[in-house]
Amino acid sequence: MALSYKARRRWSLVIILVGLPLYIMAAVTLVNWADSVFGRQIVAVEFAIYVILGFLWAVPFRSVFRGVGKADPDAAPTEPKD
């Protein structure tokens, strides 16, 4: 079942405001755990891990975020004001 435009806007807001901070905390915890188990990594390796994790969070939500910044396609067209 496809989500409506309004539902996608609401879910995207929830994901950004609640899910993303939780994901950031999980990513930092994961890197800190890796530091404690494997020792401190080179700065470039840590940077690469953070970049990969930064892109990885958005992959499952790509369909939710698609088109959210555009005008509502289901809304009635408005007449231009002169």
PDB file of N, CA and C in Angstrom:
ATOM      1  N   MET A   1       0.846  -1.171   0.000  1.00  0.00           N
ATOM      2  CA  MET A   1       0.000   0.000   0.000  1.00  0.00           C
ATOM      3  C   MET A   1       0.897   1.242   0.000  1.00  0.00           C
ATOM      4  N   ALA A   2       0.663   2.112  -0.926  1.00  0.00           N
ATOM      5  CA  ALA A   2       1.457   3.330  -1.042  1.00  0.00           C
ATOM      6  C   ALA A   2       0.953   4.377  -0.047  1.00  0.00           C
ATOM      7  N   LEU A   3       1.869   5.135   0.480  1.00  0.00           N
ATOM      8  CA  LEU A   3       1.507   6.193   1.413  1.00  0.00           C
ATOM      9  C   LEU A   3       1.056   7.430   0.658  1.00  0.00           C
ATOM     10  N   SER A   4       0.120   8.134   1.241  1.00  0.00           N
ATOM     11  CA  SER A   4      -0.319   9.387   0.640  1.00  0.00           C
ATOM     12  C   SER A   4       0.760  10.444   0.848  1.00  0.00           C
ATOM     13  N   TYR A   5       0.606  11.553   0.166  1.00  0.00           N
ATOM     14  CA  TYR A   5       1.578  12.639   0.266  1.00  0.00           C
ATOM     15  C   TYR A   5       1.662  13.163   1.694  1.00  0.00           C
ATOM     16  N   LYS A   6       0.504  13.367   2.328  1.00  0.00           N
ATOM     17  CA  LYS A   6       0.494  13.876   3.710  1.00  0.00           C
ATOM     18  C   LYS A   6       1.125  12.876   4.675  1.00  0.00           C
ATOM     19  N   ALA A   7       0.852  11.598   4.467  1.00  0.00           N
ATOM     20  CA  ALA A   7       1.437  10.574   5.338  1.00  0.00           C
ATOM     21  C   ALA A   7       2.954  10.523   5.167  1.00  0.00           C
ATOM     22  N   ARG A   8       3.426  10.644   3.926  1.00  0.00           N
ATOM     23  CA  ARG A   8       4.867  10.648   3.704  1.00  0.00           C
ATOM     24  C   ARG A   8       5.521  11.862   4.346  1.00  0.00           C
ATOM     25  N   ARG A   9       4.847  13.027   4.286  1.00  0.00           N
ATOM     26  CA  ARG A   9       5.401  14.223   4.938  1.00  0.00           C
ATOM     27  C   ARG A   9       5.483  14.037   6.443  1.00  0.00           C
ATOM     28  N   ARG A  10       4.438  13.471   7.025  1.00  0.00           N
ATOM     29  CA  ARG A  10       4.440  13.257   8.475  1.00  0.00           C
ATOM     30  C   ARG A  10       5.492  12.239   8.885  1.00  0.00           C
ATOM     31  N   TRP A  11       5.573  11.124   8.162  1.00  0.00           N
ATOM     32  CA  TRP A  11       6.555  10.108   8.495  1.00  0.00           C
ATOM     33  C   TRP A  11       7.977  10.613   8.304  1.00  0.00           C
ATOM     34  N   SER A  12       8.195  11.430   7.282  1.00  0.00           N
ATOM     35  CA  SER A  12       9.539  11.963   7.078  1.00  0.00           C
ATOM     36  C   SER A  12       9.932  12.877   8.236  1.00  0.00           C
ATOM     37  N   LEU A  13       8.983  13.638   8.756  1.00  0.00           N
ATOM     38  CA  LEU A  13       9.264  14.496   9.908  1.00  0.00           C
ATOM     39  C   LEU A  13       9.595  13.662  11.143  1.00  0.00           C
ATOM     40  N   VAL A  14       8.845  12.589  11.371  1.00  0.00           N
ATOM     41  CA  VAL A  14       9.120  11.704  12.510  1.00  0.00           C
ATOM     42  C   VAL A  14      10.493  11.053  12.359  1.00  0.00           C
ATOM     43  N   ILE A  15      10.797  10.618  11.149  1.00  0.00           N
ATOM     44  CA  ILE A  15      12.090   9.970  10.912  1.00  0.00           C
ATOM     45  C   ILE A  15      13.229  10.944  11.174  1.00  0.00           C
ATOM     46  N   ILE A  16      13.096  12.180  10.694  1.00  0.00           N
ATOM     47  CA  ILE A  16      14.164  13.164  10.866  1.00  0.00           C
ATOM     48  C   ILE A  16      14.307  13.580  12.338  1.00  0.00           C
ATOM     49  N   LEU A  17      13.190  13.828  13.019  1.00  0.00           N
ATOM     50  CA  LEU A  17      13.255  14.359  14.386  1.00  0.00           C
ATOM     51  C   LEU A  17      13.505  13.304  15.462  1.00  0.00           C
ATOM     52  N   VAL A  18      13.062  12.075  15.225  1.00  0.00           N
ATOM     53  CA  VAL A  18      13.207  11.027  16.236  1.00  0.00           C
ATOM     54  C   VAL A  18      14.212   9.966  15.793  1.00  0.00           C
ATOM     55  N   GLY A  19      14.028   9.461  14.596  1.00  0.00           N
ATOM     56  CA  GLY A  19      14.851   8.356  14.128  1.00  0.00           C
ATOM     57  C   GLY A  19      16.293   8.717  13.875  1.00  0.00           C
ATOM     58  N   LEU A  20      16.540   9.867  13.266  1.00  0.00           N
ATOM     59  CA  LEU A  20      17.912  10.249  12.949  1.00  0.00           C
ATOM     60  C   LEU A  20      18.775  10.471  14.191  1.00  0.00           C
ATOM     61  N   PRO A  21      18.292  11.180  15.222  1.00  0.00           N
ATOM     62  CA  PRO A  21      19.120  11.275  16.436  1.00  0.00           C
ATOM     63  C   PRO A  21      19.399   9.914  17.087  1.00  0.00           C
ATOM     64  N   LEU A  22      18.422   9.018  17.067  1.00  0.00           N
ATOM     65  CA  LEU A  22      18.653   7.678  17.607  1.00  0.00           C
ATOM     66  C   LEU A  22      19.688   6.933  16.775  1.00  0.00           C
ATOM     67  N   TYR A  23      19.625   7.084  15.460  1.00  0.00           N
ATOM     68  CA  TYR A  23      20.594   6.440  14.585  1.00  0.00           C
ATOM     69  C   TYR A  23      21.997   7.016  14.802  1.00  0.00           C
ATOM     70  N   ILE A  24      22.086   8.316  15.001  1.00  0.00           N
ATOM     71  CA  ILE A  24      23.393   8.935  15.252  1.00  0.00           C
ATOM     72  C   ILE A  24      23.991   8.390  16.544  1.00  0.00           C
ATOM     73  N   MET A  25      23.170   8.271  17.582  1.00  0.00           N
ATOM     74  CA  MET A  25      23.672   7.704  18.840  1.00  0.00           C
ATOM     75  C   MET A  25      24.125   6.267  18.643  1.00  0.00           C
ATOM     76  N   ALA A  26      23.383   5.488  17.866  1.00  0.00           N
ATOM     77  CA  ALA A  26      23.778   4.101  17.601  1.00  0.00           C
ATOM     78  C   ALA A  26      25.071   4.030  16.794  1.00  0.00           C
ATOM     79  N   ALA A  27      25.240   4.920  15.813  1.00  0.00           N
ATOM     80  CA  ALA A  27      26.450   4.924  14.990  1.00  0.00           C
ATOM     81  C   ALA A  27      27.671   5.291  15.822  1.00  0.00           C
ATOM     82  N   VAL A  28      27.555   6.294  16.666  1.00  0.00           N
ATOM     83  CA  VAL A  28      28.681   6.696  17.521  1.00  0.00           C
ATOM     84  C   VAL A  28      29.006   5.585  18.515  1.00  0.00           C
ATOM     85  N   THR A  29      27.990   4.939  19.066  1.00  0.00           N
ATOM     86  CA  THR A  29      28.208   3.818  19.979  1.00  0.00           C
ATOM     87  C   THR A  29      28.916   2.671  19.266  1.00  0.00           C
ATOM     88  N   LEU A  30      28.529   2.396  18.017  1.00  0.00           N
ATOM     89  CA  LEU A  30      29.168   1.342  17.239  1.00  0.00           C
ATOM     90  C   LEU A  30      30.645   1.649  16.988  1.00  0.00           C
ATOM     91  N   VAL A  31      30.950   2.874  16.633  1.00  0.00           N
ATOM     92  CA  VAL A  31      32.346   3.248  16.388  1.00  0.00           C
ATOM     93  C   VAL A  31      33.146   3.207  17.693  1.00  0.00           C
ATOM     94  N   ASN A  32      32.556   3.652  18.790  1.00  0.00           N
ATOM     95  CA  ASN A  32      33.249   3.571  20.085  1.00  0.00           C
ATOM     96  C   ASN A  32      33.492   2.126  20.499  1.00  0.00           C
ATOM     97  N   TRP A  33      32.522   1.255  20.221  1.00  0.00           N
ATOM     98  CA  TRP A  33      32.699  -0.166  20.511  1.00  0.00           C
ATOM     99  C   TRP A  33      33.832  -0.733  19.671  1.00  0.00           C
ATOM    100  N   ALA A  34      33.871  -0.370  18.388  1.00  0.00           N
ATOM    101  CA  ALA A  34      34.944  -0.842  17.514  1.00  0.00           C
ATOM    102  C   ALA A  34      36.301  -0.337  18.003  1.00  0.00           C
ATOM    103  N   ASP A  35      36.335   0.896  18.514  1.00  0.00           N
ATOM    104  CA  ASP A  35      37.586   1.423  19.074  1.00  0.00           C
ATOM    105  C   ASP A  35      38.042   0.612  20.281  1.00  0.00           C
ATOM    106  N   SER A  36      37.103   0.222  21.119  1.00  0.00           N
ATOM    107  CA  SER A  36      37.483  -0.530  22.317  1.00  0.00           C
ATOM    108  C   SER A  36      37.896  -1.961  21.985  1.00  0.00           C
ATOM    109  N   VAL A  37      37.305  -2.545  20.956  1.00  0.00           N
ATOM    110  CA  VAL A  37      37.633  -3.930  20.605  1.00  0.00           C
ATOM    111  C   VAL A  37      38.884  -4.004  19.735  1.00  0.00           C
ATOM    112  N   PHE A  38      38.954  -3.171  18.689  1.00  0.00           N
ATOM    113  CA  PHE A  38      40.041  -3.255  17.718  1.00  0.00           C
ATOM    114  C   PHE A  38      41.128  -2.200  17.920  1.00  0.00           C
ATOM    115  N   GLY A  39      40.930  -1.316  18.843  1.00  0.00           N
ATOM    116  CA  GLY A  39      41.883  -0.229  19.047  1.00  0.00           C
ATOM    117  C   GLY A  39      41.518   0.956  18.167  1.00  0.00           C
ATOM    118  N   ARG A  40      42.150   2.065  18.437  1.00  0.00           N
ATOM    119  CA  ARG A  40      41.864   3.302  17.701  1.00  0.00           C
ATOM    120  C   ARG A  40      42.283   3.154  16.239  1.00  0.00           C
ATOM    121  N   GLN A  41      41.384   3.517  15.342  1.00  0.00           N
ATOM    122  CA  GLN A  41      41.650   3.438  13.911  1.00  0.00           C
ATOM    123  C   GLN A  41      42.262   4.738  13.411  1.00  0.00           C
ATOM    124  N   ILE A  42      42.796   4.684  12.204  1.00  0.00           N
ATOM    125  CA  ILE A  42      43.311   5.883  11.551  1.00  0.00           C
ATOM    126  C   ILE A  42      42.130   6.829  11.315  1.00  0.00           C
ATOM    127  N   VAL A  43      42.392   8.117  11.336  1.00  0.00           N
ATOM    128  CA  VAL A  43      41.335   9.119  11.173  1.00  0.00           C
ATOM    129  C   VAL A  43      40.591   8.903   9.859  1.00  0.00           C
ATOM    130  N   ALA A  44      41.286   8.557   8.796  1.00  0.00           N
ATOM    131  CA  ALA A  44      40.645   8.331   7.499  1.00  0.00           C
ATOM    132  C   ALA A  44      39.672   7.149   7.552  1.00  0.00           C
ATOM    133  N   VAL A  45      40.026   6.118   8.302  1.00  0.00           N
ATOM    134  CA  VAL A  45      39.146   4.952   8.431  1.00  0.00           C
ATOM    135  C   VAL A  45      37.899   5.320   9.218  1.00  0.00           C
ATOM    136  N   GLU A  46      38.065   6.043  10.318  1.00  0.00           N
ATOM    137  CA  GLU A  46      36.903   6.482  11.097  1.00  0.00           C
ATOM    138  C   GLU A  46      36.007   7.393  10.266  1.00  0.00           C
ATOM    139  N   PHE A  47      36.620   8.288   9.507  1.00  0.00           N
ATOM    140  CA  PHE A  47      35.850   9.178   8.641  1.00  0.00           C
ATOM    141  C   PHE A  47      35.058   8.375   7.614  1.00  0.00           C
ATOM    142  N   ALA A  48      35.692   7.373   7.018  1.00  0.00           N
ATOM    143  CA  ALA A  48      35.010   6.530   6.032  1.00  0.00           C
ATOM    144  C   ALA A  48      33.843   5.773   6.672  1.00  0.00           C
ATOM    145  N   ILE A  49      34.031   5.295   7.882  1.00  0.00           N
ATOM    146  CA  ILE A  49      32.946   4.596   8.578  1.00  0.00           C
ATOM    147  C   ILE A  49      31.769   5.537   8.813  1.00  0.00           C
ATOM    148  N   TYR A  50      32.051   6.749   9.267  1.00  0.00           N
ATOM    149  CA  TYR A  50      30.975   7.714   9.512  1.00  0.00           C
ATOM    150  C   TYR A  50      30.274   8.111   8.211  1.00  0.00           C
ATOM    151  N   VAL A  51      31.018   8.248   7.129  1.00  0.00           N
ATOM    152  CA  VAL A  51      30.403   8.600   5.845  1.00  0.00           C
ATOM    153  C   VAL A  51      29.497   7.466   5.359  1.00  0.00           C
ATOM    154  N   ILE A  52      29.974   6.241   5.466  1.00  0.00           N
ATOM    155  CA  ILE A  52      29.162   5.094   5.046  1.00  0.00           C
ATOM    156  C   ILE A  52      27.904   4.991   5.899  1.00  0.00           C
ATOM    157  N   LEU A  53      28.053   5.125   7.201  1.00  0.00           N
ATOM    158  CA  LEU A  53      26.880   5.073   8.083  1.00  0.00           C
ATOM    159  C   LEU A  53      25.951   6.259   7.836  1.00  0.00           C
ATOM    160  N   GLY A  54      26.513   7.391   7.428  1.00  0.00           N
ATOM    161  CA  GLY A  54      25.696   8.561   7.126  1.00  0.00           C
ATOM    162  C   GLY A  54      24.810   8.364   5.918  1.00  0.00           C
ATOM    163  N   PHE A  55      25.293   7.665   4.926  1.00  0.00           N
ATOM    164  CA  PHE A  55      24.460   7.368   3.758  1.00  0.00           C
ATOM    165  C   PHE A  55      23.550   6.168   3.998  1.00  0.00           C
ATOM    166  N   LEU A  56      23.991   5.248   4.811  1.00  0.00           N
ATOM    167  CA  LEU A  56      23.264   4.004   5.028  1.00  0.00           C
ATOM    168  C   LEU A  56      21.903   4.211   5.691  1.00  0.00           C
ATOM    169  N   TRP A  57      21.763   5.219   6.546  1.00  0.00           N
ATOM    170  CA  TRP A  57      20.506   5.403   7.262  1.00  0.00           C
ATOM    171  C   TRP A  57      19.359   5.783   6.325  1.00  0.00           C
ATOM    172  N   ALA A  58      19.660   6.449   5.225  1.00  0.00           N
ATOM    173  CA  ALA A  58      18.605   6.954   4.341  1.00  0.00           C
ATOM    174  C   ALA A  58      18.107   5.919   3.342  1.00  0.00           C
ATOM    175  N   VAL A  59      18.850   4.852   3.127  1.00  0.00           N
ATOM    176  CA  VAL A  59      18.472   3.876   2.103  1.00  0.00           C
ATOM    177  C   VAL A  59      17.089   3.269   2.352  1.00  0.00           C
ATOM    178  N   PRO A  60      16.757   2.818   3.554  1.00  0.00           N
ATOM    179  CA  PRO A  60      15.427   2.224   3.735  1.00  0.00           C
ATOM    180  C   PRO A  60      14.283   3.239   3.631  1.00  0.00           C
ATOM    181  N   PHE A  61      14.575   4.518   3.805  1.00  0.00           N
ATOM    182  CA  PHE A  61      13.534   5.537   3.827  1.00  0.00           C
ATOM    183  C   PHE A  61      13.462   6.341   2.532  1.00  0.00           C
ATOM    184  N   ARG A  62      14.137   5.883   1.505  1.00  0.00           N
ATOM    185  CA  ARG A  62      14.175   6.617   0.250  1.00  0.00           C
ATOM    186  C   ARG A  62      12.778   6.854  -0.317  1.00  0.00           C
ATOM    187  N   SER A  63      11.904   5.865  -0.237  1.00  0.00           N
ATOM    188  CA  SER A  63      10.552   6.035  -0.782  1.00  0.00           C
ATOM    189  C   SER A  63       9.719   7.004   0.051  1.00  0.00           C
ATOM    190  N   VAL A  64      10.013   7.117   1.336  1.00  0.00           N
ATOM    191  CA  VAL A  64       9.272   8.056   2.181  1.00  0.00           C
ATOM    192  C   VAL A  64       9.671   9.490   1.857  1.00  0.00           C
ATOM    193  N   PHE A  65      10.951   9.722   1.626  1.00  0.00           N
ATOM    194  CA  PHE A  65      11.438  11.082   1.394  1.00  0.00           C
ATOM    195  C   PHE A  65      11.245  11.560  -0.043  1.00  0.00           C
ATOM    196  N   ARG A  66      11.002  10.670  -0.969  1.00  0.00           N
ATOM    197  CA  ARG A  66      10.915  11.038  -2.377  1.00  0.00           C
ATOM    198  C   ARG A  66       9.714  11.957  -2.624  1.00  0.00           C
ATOM    199  N   GLY A  67       9.971  13.153  -3.116  1.00  0.00           N
ATOM    200  CA  GLY A  67       8.917  14.084  -3.495  1.00  0.00           C
ATOM    201  C   GLY A  67       8.303  14.875  -2.363  1.00  0.00           C
ATOM    202  N   VAL A  68       8.819  14.767  -1.156  1.00  0.00           N
ATOM    203  CA  VAL A  68       8.222  15.451  -0.014  1.00  0.00           C
ATOM    204  C   VAL A  68       8.406  16.962  -0.108  1.00  0.00           C
ATOM    205  N   GLY A  69       9.467  17.423  -0.706  1.00  0.00           N
ATOM    206  CA  GLY A  69       9.722  18.854  -0.808  1.00  0.00           C
ATOM    207  C   GLY A  69       8.963  19.542  -1.923  1.00  0.00           C
ATOM    208  N   LYS A  70       8.267  18.779  -2.732  1.00  0.00           N
ATOM    209  CA  LYS A  70       7.510  19.351  -3.844  1.00  0.00           C
ATOM    210  C   LYS A  70       6.079  19.648  -3.409  1.00  0.00           C
ATOM    211  N   ALA A  71       5.359  20.296  -4.281  1.00  0.00           N
ATOM    212  CA  ALA A  71       3.954  20.615  -3.992  1.00  0.00           C
ATOM    213  C   ALA A  71       3.127  19.334  -3.963  1.00  0.00           C
ATOM    214  N   ASP A  72       2.017  19.378  -3.241  1.00  0.00           N
ATOM    215  CA  ASP A  72       1.130  18.230  -3.111  1.00  0.00           C
ATOM    216  C   ASP A  72       0.537  17.884  -4.473  1.00  0.00           C
ATOM    217  N   PRO A  73       0.804  16.687  -4.991  1.00  0.00           N
ATOM    218  CA  PRO A  73       0.266  16.333  -6.306  1.00  0.00           C
ATOM    219  C   PRO A  73      -1.237  16.074  -6.278  1.00  0.00           C
ATOM    220  N   ASP A  74      -1.797  15.794  -5.096  1.00  0.00           N
ATOM    221  CA  ASP A  74      -3.232  15.506  -4.987  1.00  0.00           C
ATOM    222  C   ASP A  74      -4.059  16.749  -4.752  1.00  0.00           C
ATOM    223  N   ALA A  75      -3.421  17.867  -4.462  1.00  0.00           N
ATOM    224  CA  ALA A  75      -4.155  19.104  -4.162  1.00  0.00           C
ATOM    225  C   ALA A  75      -4.725  19.688  -5.457  1.00  0.00           C
ATOM    226  N   ALA A  76      -5.829  20.387  -5.273  1.00  0.00           N
ATOM    227  CA  ALA A  76      -6.448  21.059  -6.426  1.00  0.00           C
ATOM    228  C   ALA A  76      -5.528  22.194  -6.884  1.00  0.00           C
ATOM    229  N   PRO A  77      -5.394  22.361  -8.189  1.00  0.00           N
ATOM    230  CA  PRO A  77      -4.525  23.460  -8.663  1.00  0.00           C
ATOM    231  C   PRO A  77      -5.106  24.815  -8.293  1.00  0.00           C
ATOM    232  N   THR A  78      -4.221  25.693  -7.893  1.00  0.00           N
ATOM    233  CA  THR A  78      -4.664  27.033  -7.533  1.00  0.00           C
ATOM    234  C   THR A  78      -4.549  27.944  -8.737  1.00  0.00           C
ATOM    235  N   GLU A  79      -5.425  28.911  -8.800  1.00  0.00           N
ATOM    236  CA  GLU A  79      -5.398  29.862  -9.902  1.00  0.00           C
ATOM    237  C   GLU A  79      -4.368  30.935  -9.605  1.00  0.00           C
ATOM    238  N   PRO A  80      -3.611  31.338 -10.620  1.00  0.00           N
ATOM    239  CA  PRO A  80      -2.620  32.389 -10.383  1.00  0.00           C
ATOM    240  C   PRO A  80      -3.312  33.710 -10.071  1.00  0.00           C
ATOM    241  N   LYS A  81      -2.708  34.450  -9.153  1.00  0.00           N
ATOM    242  CA  LYS A  81      -3.258  35.755  -8.786  1.00  0.00           C
ATOM    243  C   LYS A  81      -2.653  36.826  -9.673  1.00  0.00           C
ATOM    244  N   ASP A  82      -3.489  37.723 -10.154  1.00  0.00           N
ATOM    245  CA  ASP A  82      -3.004  38.808 -11.022  1.00  0.00           C
ATOM    246  C   ASP A  82      -2.726  40.058 -10.224  1.00  0.00           C
TER     247      ASP A  82
END
